[in-house]
Amino acid sequence: QSTWGQQAIIKLIKMVKTYSRDPPVPTKAARASGDDLRVHFKNTYNTVRALKGLSLRAAQAYLRDVLARKRCVPFLRYNGKVGRTAQAKEFNNRSQGRWPVKSVKVVLGLLQNLEANASVKNLDLDKLVINHAQVNSCLLYTSPSPRDRQKSRMPSSA
């Protein structure tokens, strides 16, 4: 039998912030995350995938160029009915790309948070490289539907 105190401790342990992957040397790594962000999953997935392997400064410059429509985000997955653009040619002969503004702004904010976390740890910002980035779909936001649609549309007879 477990008492209420033990259950509270277990719930507190489950509520601690966890990441999907731990760095091999935690003192030389910085992390940032966002929860339940109101952006499209498929756009953000392709945006973050384009940043893997880039340095922090190069990633920020790339995202600023996407906002200015000088470069595009290549859509490698979830690319049904995505238009073609010549700017996608720089990514291994890809042809499909977009400029997802809202996703880019959110990811830029996460990179600024990552930069702040790295400066608190006294890490060299010019040597930071993005080697892991993950996007999960958030909870679905639904609105309650009326129980009886006919009654909700009929005028009151009072």
N, C-alpha and C. Protein backbone atom coordinates (compact mmCIF):
# COMPACT_ATOMS: atom_id res chain seq x y z
N GLN A 1 0.84 -1.18 0.00
CA GLN A 1 0.00 0.00 0.00
C GLN A 1 0.88 1.24 0.00
N SER A 2 0.47 2.23 -0.77
CA SER A 2 1.23 3.47 -0.81
C SER A 2 0.41 4.57 -0.16
N THR A 3 1.10 5.41 0.53
CA THR A 3 0.42 6.53 1.17
C THR A 3 0.35 7.69 0.21
N TRP A 4 -0.40 8.73 0.58
CA TRP A 4 -0.54 9.89 -0.29
C TRP A 4 0.79 10.57 -0.51
N GLY A 5 1.67 10.59 0.50
CA GLY A 5 2.97 11.24 0.37
C GLY A 5 3.83 10.57 -0.68
N GLN A 6 3.80 9.24 -0.73
CA GLN A 6 4.59 8.55 -1.73
C GLN A 6 4.06 8.82 -3.13
N GLN A 7 2.75 8.87 -3.30
CA GLN A 7 2.19 9.17 -4.61
C GLN A 7 2.57 10.58 -5.06
N ALA A 8 2.58 11.53 -4.14
CA ALA A 8 2.96 12.89 -4.49
C ALA A 8 4.42 12.94 -4.95
N ILE A 9 5.27 12.18 -4.31
CA ILE A 9 6.68 12.16 -4.70
C ILE A 9 6.82 11.56 -6.09
N ILE A 10 6.09 10.50 -6.36
CA ILE A 10 6.16 9.87 -7.68
C ILE A 10 5.68 10.84 -8.76
N LYS A 11 4.62 11.58 -8.49
CA LYS A 11 4.12 12.54 -9.47
C LYS A 11 5.11 13.68 -9.68
N LEU A 12 5.76 14.10 -8.63
CA LEU A 12 6.76 15.16 -8.79
C LEU A 12 7.94 14.67 -9.63
N ILE A 13 8.31 13.41 -9.46
CA ILE A 13 9.41 12.88 -10.25
C ILE A 13 9.00 12.82 -11.72
N LYS A 14 7.76 12.47 -12.01
CA LYS A 14 7.31 12.40 -13.40
C LYS A 14 7.18 13.79 -14.02
N MET A 15 6.97 14.82 -13.21
CA MET A 15 6.77 16.16 -13.74
C MET A 15 8.09 16.89 -14.00
N VAL A 16 9.22 16.30 -13.64
CA VAL A 16 10.51 16.93 -13.86
C VAL A 16 10.78 17.00 -15.36
N LYS A 17 11.38 18.11 -15.82
CA LYS A 17 11.65 18.32 -17.23
C LYS A 17 12.65 17.29 -17.72
N THR A 18 12.27 16.54 -18.74
CA THR A 18 13.17 15.54 -19.31
C THR A 18 13.33 15.80 -20.80
N TYR A 19 14.46 15.38 -21.33
CA TYR A 19 14.75 15.50 -22.75
C TYR A 19 14.84 14.10 -23.33
N SER A 20 14.65 13.98 -24.63
CA SER A 20 14.67 12.66 -25.25
C SER A 20 16.08 12.09 -25.34
N ARG A 21 17.08 12.95 -25.26
CA ARG A 21 18.45 12.49 -25.41
C ARG A 21 19.35 13.33 -24.52
N ASP A 22 20.26 12.69 -23.82
CA ASP A 22 21.22 13.40 -22.99
C ASP A 22 22.53 13.51 -23.73
N PRO A 23 23.21 14.67 -23.60
CA PRO A 23 24.50 14.82 -24.28
C PRO A 23 25.56 13.96 -23.61
N PRO A 24 26.57 13.51 -24.37
CA PRO A 24 27.62 12.68 -23.77
C PRO A 24 28.42 13.42 -22.70
N VAL A 25 28.67 14.72 -22.92
CA VAL A 25 29.36 15.55 -21.94
C VAL A 25 28.45 16.72 -21.61
N PRO A 26 27.69 16.65 -20.51
CA PRO A 26 26.71 17.70 -20.23
C PRO A 26 27.31 19.08 -19.99
N THR A 27 28.57 19.15 -19.56
CA THR A 27 29.17 20.46 -19.29
C THR A 27 29.52 21.20 -20.58
N LYS A 28 29.60 20.48 -21.69
CA LYS A 28 29.94 21.11 -22.97
C LYS A 28 28.75 21.24 -23.89
N ALA A 29 27.55 21.10 -23.36
CA ALA A 29 26.35 21.16 -24.19
C ALA A 29 25.33 22.10 -23.58
N ALA A 30 24.52 22.68 -24.43
CA ALA A 30 23.42 23.55 -23.99
C ALA A 30 22.14 23.02 -24.62
N ARG A 31 21.02 23.19 -23.89
CA ARG A 31 19.74 22.66 -24.38
C ARG A 31 18.67 23.72 -24.25
N ALA A 32 17.66 23.59 -25.11
CA ALA A 32 16.49 24.47 -25.05
C ALA A 32 15.30 23.68 -25.57
N SER A 33 14.12 24.00 -25.06
CA SER A 33 12.93 23.29 -25.51
C SER A 33 11.71 24.19 -25.38
N GLY A 34 10.66 23.83 -26.07
CA GLY A 34 9.38 24.52 -25.98
C GLY A 34 8.27 23.50 -25.95
N ASP A 35 7.22 23.78 -25.21
CA ASP A 35 6.12 22.83 -25.06
C ASP A 35 4.83 23.43 -25.59
N ASP A 36 4.07 22.62 -26.31
CA ASP A 36 2.74 22.98 -26.82
C ASP A 36 2.75 24.32 -27.55
N LEU A 37 3.65 24.46 -28.49
CA LEU A 37 3.75 25.68 -29.27
C LEU A 37 2.71 25.66 -30.38
N ARG A 38 2.06 26.78 -30.63
CA ARG A 38 0.98 26.84 -31.61
C ARG A 38 1.55 27.06 -33.01
N VAL A 39 2.23 26.07 -33.52
CA VAL A 39 2.76 26.11 -34.88
C VAL A 39 2.44 24.78 -35.55
N HIS A 40 2.49 24.76 -36.87
CA HIS A 40 2.21 23.54 -37.61
C HIS A 40 3.38 22.56 -37.44
N PHE A 41 3.04 21.33 -37.13
CA PHE A 41 4.06 20.31 -36.88
C PHE A 41 4.90 20.04 -38.13
N LYS A 42 4.25 19.91 -39.28
CA LYS A 42 4.97 19.52 -40.49
C LYS A 42 5.93 20.61 -40.96
N ASN A 43 5.52 21.87 -40.84
CA ASN A 43 6.42 22.97 -41.21
C ASN A 43 7.61 23.04 -40.25
N THR A 44 7.34 22.89 -38.96
CA THR A 44 8.40 22.99 -37.96
C THR A 44 9.36 21.81 -38.08
N TYR A 45 8.84 20.64 -38.40
CA TYR A 45 9.69 19.46 -38.59
C TYR A 45 10.72 19.72 -39.69
N ASN A 46 10.27 20.21 -40.83
CA ASN A 46 11.19 20.46 -41.94
C ASN A 46 12.13 21.62 -41.65
N THR A 47 11.66 22.62 -40.90
CA THR A 47 12.52 23.74 -40.54
C THR A 47 13.66 23.28 -39.65
N VAL A 48 13.34 22.48 -38.65
CA VAL A 48 14.35 22.01 -37.70
C VAL A 48 15.30 21.02 -38.37
N ARG A 49 14.76 20.23 -39.29
CA ARG A 49 15.62 19.26 -39.97
C ARG A 49 16.68 19.96 -40.82
N ALA A 50 16.35 21.13 -41.35
CA ALA A 50 17.33 21.87 -42.15
C ALA A 50 18.45 22.44 -41.30
N LEU A 51 18.26 22.54 -39.97
CA LEU A 51 19.26 23.14 -39.09
C LEU A 51 20.27 22.14 -38.55
N LYS A 52 19.99 20.85 -38.64
CA LYS A 52 20.89 19.86 -38.06
C LYS A 52 22.25 19.92 -38.73
N GLY A 53 23.29 19.95 -37.90
CA GLY A 53 24.66 20.00 -38.41
C GLY A 53 25.19 21.41 -38.60
N LEU A 54 24.34 22.42 -38.50
CA LEU A 54 24.80 23.80 -38.65
C LEU A 54 25.29 24.34 -37.31
N SER A 55 26.18 25.32 -37.37
CA SER A 55 26.57 26.01 -36.14
C SER A 55 25.44 26.95 -35.72
N LEU A 56 25.49 27.41 -34.48
CA LEU A 56 24.42 28.26 -33.97
C LEU A 56 24.31 29.55 -34.78
N ARG A 57 25.44 30.18 -35.07
CA ARG A 57 25.43 31.42 -35.85
C ARG A 57 24.92 31.19 -37.27
N ALA A 58 25.35 30.09 -37.89
CA ALA A 58 24.91 29.80 -39.25
C ALA A 58 23.41 29.49 -39.28
N ALA A 59 22.91 28.82 -38.25
CA ALA A 59 21.48 28.51 -38.19
C ALA A 59 20.65 29.79 -38.05
N GLN A 60 21.12 30.71 -37.20
CA GLN A 60 20.40 31.97 -37.03
C GLN A 60 20.42 32.78 -38.32
N ALA A 61 21.55 32.82 -38.99
CA ALA A 61 21.64 33.55 -40.26
C ALA A 61 20.75 32.91 -41.32
N TYR A 62 20.72 31.59 -41.36
CA TYR A 62 19.87 30.88 -42.33
C TYR A 62 18.40 31.20 -42.09
N LEU A 63 17.96 31.20 -40.83
CA LEU A 63 16.56 31.47 -40.54
C LEU A 63 16.20 32.92 -40.85
N ARG A 64 17.13 33.84 -40.63
CA ARG A 64 16.87 35.24 -41.00
C ARG A 64 16.74 35.37 -42.52
N ASP A 65 17.53 34.60 -43.26
CA ASP A 65 17.42 34.61 -44.72
C ASP A 65 16.08 34.01 -45.18
N VAL A 66 15.58 33.02 -44.45
CA VAL A 66 14.28 32.44 -44.80
C VAL A 66 13.18 33.48 -44.57
N LEU A 67 13.29 34.23 -43.48
CA LEU A 67 12.29 35.27 -43.23
C LEU A 67 12.33 36.35 -44.31
N ALA A 68 13.53 36.63 -44.83
CA ALA A 68 13.67 37.63 -45.90
C ALA A 68 13.41 37.02 -47.28
N ARG A 69 13.08 35.73 -47.33
CA ARG A 69 12.81 34.99 -48.57
C ARG A 69 14.00 34.94 -49.51
N LYS A 70 15.20 34.97 -48.95
CA LYS A 70 16.40 34.80 -49.75
C LYS A 70 16.74 33.32 -49.91
N ARG A 71 16.36 32.51 -48.92
CA ARG A 71 16.57 31.05 -48.96
C ARG A 71 15.27 30.39 -48.52
N CYS A 72 15.11 29.13 -48.87
CA CYS A 72 13.87 28.43 -48.51
C CYS A 72 14.18 27.27 -47.57
N VAL A 73 13.13 26.74 -46.98
CA VAL A 73 13.23 25.53 -46.17
C VAL A 73 12.87 24.36 -47.07
N PRO A 74 13.78 23.40 -47.27
CA PRO A 74 13.45 22.27 -48.13
C PRO A 74 12.47 21.33 -47.43
N PHE A 75 11.48 20.90 -48.14
CA PHE A 75 10.51 19.96 -47.59
C PHE A 75 10.87 18.57 -48.08
N LEU A 76 11.51 17.79 -47.19
CA LEU A 76 11.94 16.45 -47.54
C LEU A 76 10.90 15.42 -47.14
N ARG A 77 10.13 15.72 -46.13
CA ARG A 77 9.07 14.84 -45.67
C ARG A 77 7.82 15.70 -45.50
N TYR A 78 6.66 15.09 -45.56
CA TYR A 78 5.40 15.82 -45.51
C TYR A 78 5.37 16.86 -46.64
N ASN A 79 5.72 16.42 -47.83
CA ASN A 79 5.86 17.37 -48.94
C ASN A 79 4.78 17.20 -50.01
N GLY A 80 3.65 16.64 -49.64
CA GLY A 80 2.57 16.52 -50.60
C GLY A 80 1.97 17.88 -50.91
N LYS A 81 1.78 18.17 -52.18
CA LYS A 81 1.23 19.43 -52.67
C LYS A 81 2.05 20.65 -52.25
N VAL A 82 3.35 20.47 -52.08
CA VAL A 82 4.25 21.58 -51.79
C VAL A 82 4.83 22.04 -53.12
N GLY A 83 4.80 23.34 -53.37
CA GLY A 83 5.27 23.87 -54.64
C GLY A 83 6.77 23.77 -54.80
N ARG A 84 7.20 23.93 -56.02
CA ARG A 84 8.64 23.87 -56.33
C ARG A 84 9.22 25.27 -56.34
N THR A 85 10.48 25.35 -55.98
CA THR A 85 11.19 26.63 -56.04
C THR A 85 12.65 26.37 -56.37
N ALA A 86 13.25 27.30 -57.07
CA ALA A 86 14.65 27.14 -57.46
C ALA A 86 15.58 27.26 -56.26
N GLN A 87 15.12 27.89 -55.18
CA GLN A 87 15.97 28.05 -54.00
C GLN A 87 16.25 26.72 -53.31
N ALA A 88 15.45 25.70 -53.58
CA ALA A 88 15.65 24.40 -52.94
C ALA A 88 16.77 23.60 -53.57
N LYS A 89 17.34 24.08 -54.67
CA LYS A 89 18.40 23.33 -55.35
C LYS A 89 19.67 23.22 -54.53
N GLU A 90 19.87 24.13 -53.59
CA GLU A 90 21.11 24.07 -52.80
C GLU A 90 21.13 22.90 -51.83
N PHE A 91 20.01 22.21 -51.67
CA PHE A 91 19.92 21.09 -50.75
C PHE A 91 19.87 19.78 -51.53
N ASN A 92 20.98 19.36 -52.11
CA ASN A 92 21.12 18.07 -52.78
C ASN A 92 20.05 17.83 -53.84
N ASN A 93 19.93 18.75 -54.76
CA ASN A 93 19.01 18.63 -55.89
C ASN A 93 17.56 18.43 -55.48
N ARG A 94 17.15 19.06 -54.41
CA ARG A 94 15.74 19.03 -54.04
C ARG A 94 15.03 20.13 -54.83
N SER A 95 13.72 19.99 -54.98
CA SER A 95 13.00 21.00 -55.73
C SER A 95 11.85 21.61 -54.95
N GLN A 96 11.42 20.98 -53.85
CA GLN A 96 10.27 21.47 -53.12
C GLN A 96 10.72 22.24 -51.88
N GLY A 97 10.14 23.41 -51.68
CA GLY A 97 10.49 24.21 -50.53
C GLY A 97 9.45 25.27 -50.24
N ARG A 98 9.47 25.76 -49.03
CA ARG A 98 8.54 26.81 -48.60
C ARG A 98 9.27 27.78 -47.68
N TRP A 99 8.52 28.80 -47.24
CA TRP A 99 9.03 29.80 -46.31
C TRP A 99 8.06 29.89 -45.13
N PRO A 100 8.08 28.92 -44.22
CA PRO A 100 7.12 28.90 -43.10
C PRO A 100 7.48 29.94 -42.04
N VAL A 101 6.87 31.10 -42.13
CA VAL A 101 7.27 32.26 -41.31
C VAL A 101 7.05 32.00 -39.82
N LYS A 102 5.88 31.49 -39.46
CA LYS A 102 5.58 31.31 -38.05
C LYS A 102 6.50 30.28 -37.40
N SER A 103 6.75 29.18 -38.09
CA SER A 103 7.65 28.16 -37.56
C SER A 103 9.07 28.70 -37.44
N VAL A 104 9.48 29.49 -38.42
CA VAL A 104 10.84 30.04 -38.38
C VAL A 104 11.00 31.00 -37.20
N LYS A 105 9.97 31.81 -36.93
CA LYS A 105 10.06 32.74 -35.80
C LYS A 105 10.13 31.99 -34.47
N VAL A 106 9.38 30.91 -34.35
CA VAL A 106 9.41 30.13 -33.11
C VAL A 106 10.77 29.45 -32.93
N VAL A 107 11.31 28.89 -34.00
CA VAL A 107 12.62 28.23 -33.91
C VAL A 107 13.71 29.26 -33.64
N LEU A 108 13.60 30.46 -34.21
CA LEU A 108 14.57 31.52 -33.89
C LEU A 108 14.53 31.87 -32.41
N GLY A 109 13.34 31.92 -31.83
CA GLY A 109 13.22 32.17 -30.40
C GLY A 109 13.86 31.08 -29.58
N LEU A 110 13.72 29.82 -30.01
CA LEU A 110 14.37 28.71 -29.30
C LEU A 110 15.89 28.81 -29.42
N LEU A 111 16.37 29.24 -30.59
CA LEU A 111 17.82 29.39 -30.74
C LEU A 111 18.36 30.53 -29.88
N GLN A 112 17.58 31.59 -29.71
CA GLN A 112 18.00 32.66 -28.79
C GLN A 112 18.04 32.16 -27.36
N ASN A 113 17.06 31.33 -26.98
CA ASN A 113 17.07 30.73 -25.65
C ASN A 113 18.27 29.81 -25.49
N LEU A 114 18.58 29.04 -26.53
CA LEU A 114 19.75 28.17 -26.50
C LEU A 114 21.04 28.98 -26.34
N GLU A 115 21.10 30.10 -27.02
CA GLU A 115 22.28 30.97 -26.92
C GLU A 115 22.44 31.51 -25.50
N ALA A 116 21.32 31.91 -24.89
CA ALA A 116 21.37 32.41 -23.51
C ALA A 116 21.79 31.31 -22.54
N ASN A 117 21.27 30.09 -22.75
CA ASN A 117 21.65 28.98 -21.88
C ASN A 117 23.13 28.63 -22.03
N ALA A 118 23.65 28.74 -23.25
CA ALA A 118 25.07 28.46 -23.47
C ALA A 118 25.95 29.53 -22.85
N SER A 119 25.52 30.78 -22.90
CA SER A 119 26.34 31.85 -22.30
C SER A 119 26.35 31.75 -20.78
N VAL A 120 25.27 31.23 -20.18
CA VAL A 120 25.27 31.02 -18.73
C VAL A 120 26.29 29.95 -18.36
N LYS A 121 26.47 28.94 -19.22
CA LYS A 121 27.44 27.87 -18.96
C LYS A 121 28.85 28.25 -19.40
N ASN A 122 29.05 29.47 -19.89
CA ASN A 122 30.34 29.97 -20.37
C ASN A 122 30.88 29.13 -21.53
N LEU A 123 30.02 28.76 -22.45
CA LEU A 123 30.44 28.03 -23.64
C LEU A 123 30.75 29.01 -24.77
N ASP A 124 31.64 28.62 -25.65
CA ASP A 124 31.99 29.45 -26.80
C ASP A 124 30.85 29.38 -27.82
N LEU A 125 30.19 30.50 -28.07
CA LEU A 125 29.01 30.52 -28.94
C LEU A 125 29.35 30.27 -30.40
N ASP A 126 30.58 30.56 -30.80
CA ASP A 126 30.96 30.35 -32.19
C ASP A 126 31.23 28.88 -32.50
N LYS A 127 31.47 28.06 -31.48
CA LYS A 127 31.76 26.64 -31.70
C LYS A 127 30.55 25.74 -31.47
N LEU A 128 29.42 26.33 -31.10
CA LEU A 128 28.23 25.50 -30.85
C LEU A 128 27.67 24.96 -32.17
N VAL A 129 27.38 23.67 -32.19
CA VAL A 129 26.82 23.01 -33.37
C VAL A 129 25.54 22.30 -32.95
N ILE A 130 24.52 22.40 -33.78
CA ILE A 130 23.25 21.74 -33.51
C ILE A 130 23.36 20.30 -33.98
N ASN A 131 23.43 19.36 -33.04
CA ASN A 131 23.55 17.96 -33.44
C ASN A 131 22.31 17.14 -33.11
N HIS A 132 21.37 17.69 -32.36
CA HIS A 132 20.12 16.98 -32.11
C HIS A 132 18.99 18.00 -32.04
N ALA A 133 17.95 17.76 -32.79
CA ALA A 133 16.77 18.60 -32.77
C ALA A 133 15.57 17.71 -33.02
N GLN A 134 14.53 17.89 -32.23
CA GLN A 134 13.37 17.01 -32.31
C GLN A 134 12.11 17.83 -32.24
N VAL A 135 11.11 17.43 -33.03
CA VAL A 135 9.81 18.09 -33.02
C VAL A 135 8.75 17.03 -32.76
N ASN A 136 7.91 17.28 -31.79
CA ASN A 136 6.78 16.40 -31.51
C ASN A 136 5.50 17.19 -31.75
N SER A 137 4.45 16.49 -32.18
CA SER A 137 3.18 17.17 -32.36
C SER A 137 2.56 17.45 -31.00
N CYS A 138 1.92 18.59 -30.88
CA CYS A 138 1.36 18.99 -29.58
C CYS A 138 -0.06 18.44 -29.44
N LEU A 139 -0.69 18.74 -28.33
CA LEU A 139 -2.05 18.30 -28.08
C LEU A 139 -3.00 18.95 -29.07
N LEU A 140 -4.06 18.25 -29.40
CA LEU A 140 -5.05 18.80 -30.30
C LEU A 140 -5.98 19.72 -29.52
N TYR A 141 -6.21 20.90 -30.05
CA TYR A 141 -7.10 21.85 -29.41
C TYR A 141 -8.47 21.73 -30.10
N THR A 142 -9.46 21.29 -29.35
CA THR A 142 -10.78 21.12 -29.91
C THR A 142 -11.76 21.98 -29.15
N SER A 143 -12.84 22.37 -29.81
CA SER A 143 -13.88 23.14 -29.15
C SER A 143 -15.10 22.24 -28.97
N PRO A 144 -15.85 22.44 -27.92
CA PRO A 144 -17.01 21.58 -27.70
C PRO A 144 -18.06 21.82 -28.78
N SER A 145 -18.64 20.75 -29.26
CA SER A 145 -19.68 20.87 -30.28
C SER A 145 -21.05 20.77 -29.60
N PRO A 146 -22.06 21.40 -30.17
CA PRO A 146 -23.38 21.31 -29.54
C PRO A 146 -23.91 19.89 -29.59
N ARG A 147 -24.68 19.51 -28.57
CA ARG A 147 -25.22 18.15 -28.49
C ARG A 147 -26.23 17.90 -29.61
N ASP A 148 -27.15 18.82 -29.78
CA ASP A 148 -28.18 18.65 -30.79
C ASP A 148 -28.10 19.85 -31.73
N ARG A 149 -27.72 19.61 -32.94
CA ARG A 149 -27.49 20.73 -33.86
C ARG A 149 -28.80 21.40 -34.23
N GLN A 150 -29.88 20.64 -34.33
CA GLN A 150 -31.15 21.24 -34.71
C GLN A 150 -31.66 22.20 -33.65
N LYS A 151 -31.53 21.80 -32.39
CA LYS A 151 -32.02 22.67 -31.31
C LYS A 151 -31.18 23.93 -31.18
N SER A 152 -29.88 23.81 -31.51
CA SER A 152 -29.04 24.99 -31.37
C SER A 152 -29.32 26.01 -32.49
N ARG A 153 -29.88 25.55 -33.62
CA ARG A 153 -30.17 26.46 -34.72
C ARG A 153 -31.58 27.01 -34.70
N MET A 154 -32.50 26.35 -34.00
CA MET A 154 -33.89 26.81 -34.01
C MET A 154 -34.07 28.02 -33.11
N PRO A 155 -34.87 29.00 -33.55
CA PRO A 155 -35.11 30.17 -32.69
C PRO A 155 -35.98 29.79 -31.51
N SER A 156 -35.77 30.52 -30.43
CA SER A 156 -36.57 30.22 -29.23
C SER A 156 -38.01 30.69 -29.44
N SER A 157 -38.94 29.94 -28.90
CA SER A 157 -40.36 30.25 -29.10
C SER A 157 -40.95 30.97 -27.89
N ALA A 158 -40.15 31.71 -27.17
CA ALA A 158 -40.65 32.37 -25.96
C ALA A 158 -41.22 33.74 -26.26
